[in-house]
Amino acid sequence: MSEITSLVTAEAVKEVLRSEEVRSALKQKLRLNLESRLDAEVDAILDELLGVAVVPEPEGIAGDGSASDGGEPTPDSDMMM
């Protein structure tokens, strides 16, 4: 009797997993998971390619404005030549 119960239970579980509602929910969860992984991977690649983000601009304007101005014209001058 327990063999029949386990077979029926296994088949019932498989049938539920095959249902459209469950498949849709699983697909959505997988999409979110993959999207999160992809975002993290893209961020890591961009960080590697671009280096440190240029977020310190407001700090540079407040305290290091003259130092930044002294360093930036050199590349601009090279580009102009």
Protein backbone atom coordinates (compact mmCIF):
# COMPACT_ATOMS: atom_id res chain seq x y z
CA MET A 1 0.00 0.00 0.00
CA SER A 2 2.82 2.44 0.80
CA GLU A 3 4.28 1.82 -2.68
CA ILE A 4 1.03 2.92 -4.27
CA THR A 5 0.84 5.97 -2.01
CA SER A 6 4.41 7.00 -2.86
CA LEU A 7 3.75 6.52 -6.58
CA VAL A 8 0.54 8.51 -6.42
CA THR A 9 2.26 11.20 -4.39
CA ALA A 10 5.19 11.38 -6.81
CA GLU A 11 2.84 11.55 -9.78
CA ALA A 12 0.69 14.16 -8.04
CA VAL A 13 3.76 16.30 -7.35
CA LYS A 14 4.94 15.93 -10.94
CA GLU A 15 1.49 16.88 -12.20
CA VAL A 16 1.43 19.98 -10.03
CA LEU A 17 4.91 20.95 -11.17
CA ARG A 18 3.78 20.55 -14.77
CA SER A 19 0.82 22.86 -14.25
CA GLU A 20 0.91 26.18 -16.08
CA GLU A 21 0.59 28.23 -12.89
CA VAL A 22 3.59 26.58 -11.27
CA ARG A 23 5.65 26.72 -14.47
CA SER A 24 4.86 30.40 -14.82
CA ALA A 25 5.85 31.12 -11.22
CA LEU A 26 9.07 29.13 -11.60
CA LYS A 27 9.92 30.92 -14.85
CA GLN A 28 9.37 34.30 -13.20
CA LYS A 29 11.56 33.36 -10.24
CA LEU A 30 14.29 32.08 -12.56
CA ARG A 31 14.10 35.24 -14.67
CA LEU A 32 14.53 37.42 -11.59
CA ASN A 33 17.43 35.28 -10.39
CA LEU A 34 19.13 35.36 -13.78
CA GLU A 35 18.53 39.10 -14.13
CA SER A 36 20.16 39.72 -10.75
CA ARG A 37 23.14 37.57 -11.71
CA LEU A 38 23.41 39.28 -15.08
CA ASP A 39 23.29 42.74 -13.50
CA ALA A 40 26.05 41.76 -11.08
CA GLU A 41 28.15 40.32 -13.89
CA VAL A 42 27.67 43.40 -16.07
CA ASP A 43 28.58 45.67 -13.15
CA ALA A 44 31.73 43.64 -12.51
CA ILE A 45 32.73 43.79 -16.17
CA LEU A 46 32.11 47.53 -16.35
CA ASP A 47 34.08 48.10 -13.15
CA GLU A 48 36.94 46.12 -14.62
CA LEU A 49 36.85 47.96 -17.94
CA LEU A 50 36.21 51.46 -16.63
CA GLY A 51 38.03 51.26 -13.34
CA VAL A 52 36.75 53.16 -10.34
CA ALA A 53 33.55 55.06 -11.01
CA VAL A 54 33.85 58.83 -11.38
CA VAL A 55 31.53 59.50 -8.43
CA PRO A 56 33.99 61.70 -6.45
CA GLU A 57 33.31 64.70 -8.74
CA PRO A 58 31.27 66.59 -6.09
CA GLU A 59 34.11 66.07 -3.59
CA GLY A 60 36.62 67.15 -6.22
CA ILE A 61 34.69 70.36 -6.84
CA ALA A 62 34.50 71.16 -3.14
CA GLY A 63 38.07 70.45 -2.06
CA ASP A 64 40.26 69.36 -4.96
CA GLY A 65 38.93 71.63 -7.69
CA SER A 66 42.29 73.26 -8.37
CA ALA A 67 44.15 69.95 -8.24
CA SER A 68 41.70 68.38 -10.68
CA ASP A 69 41.99 71.35 -13.01
CA GLY A 70 45.77 71.01 -12.97
CA GLY A 71 45.64 67.34 -13.91
CA GLU A 72 42.93 67.43 -16.53
CA PRO A 73 44.32 69.97 -19.05
CA THR A 74 47.27 67.73 -19.88
CA PRO A 75 45.10 65.02 -21.53
CA ASP A 76 42.97 67.72 -23.18
CA SER A 77 46.09 69.41 -24.51
CA ASP A 78 47.32 66.10 -25.91
CA MET A 79 44.00 65.52 -27.64
CA MET A 80 44.04 68.99 -29.20
CA MET A 81 47.48 68.50 -30.73
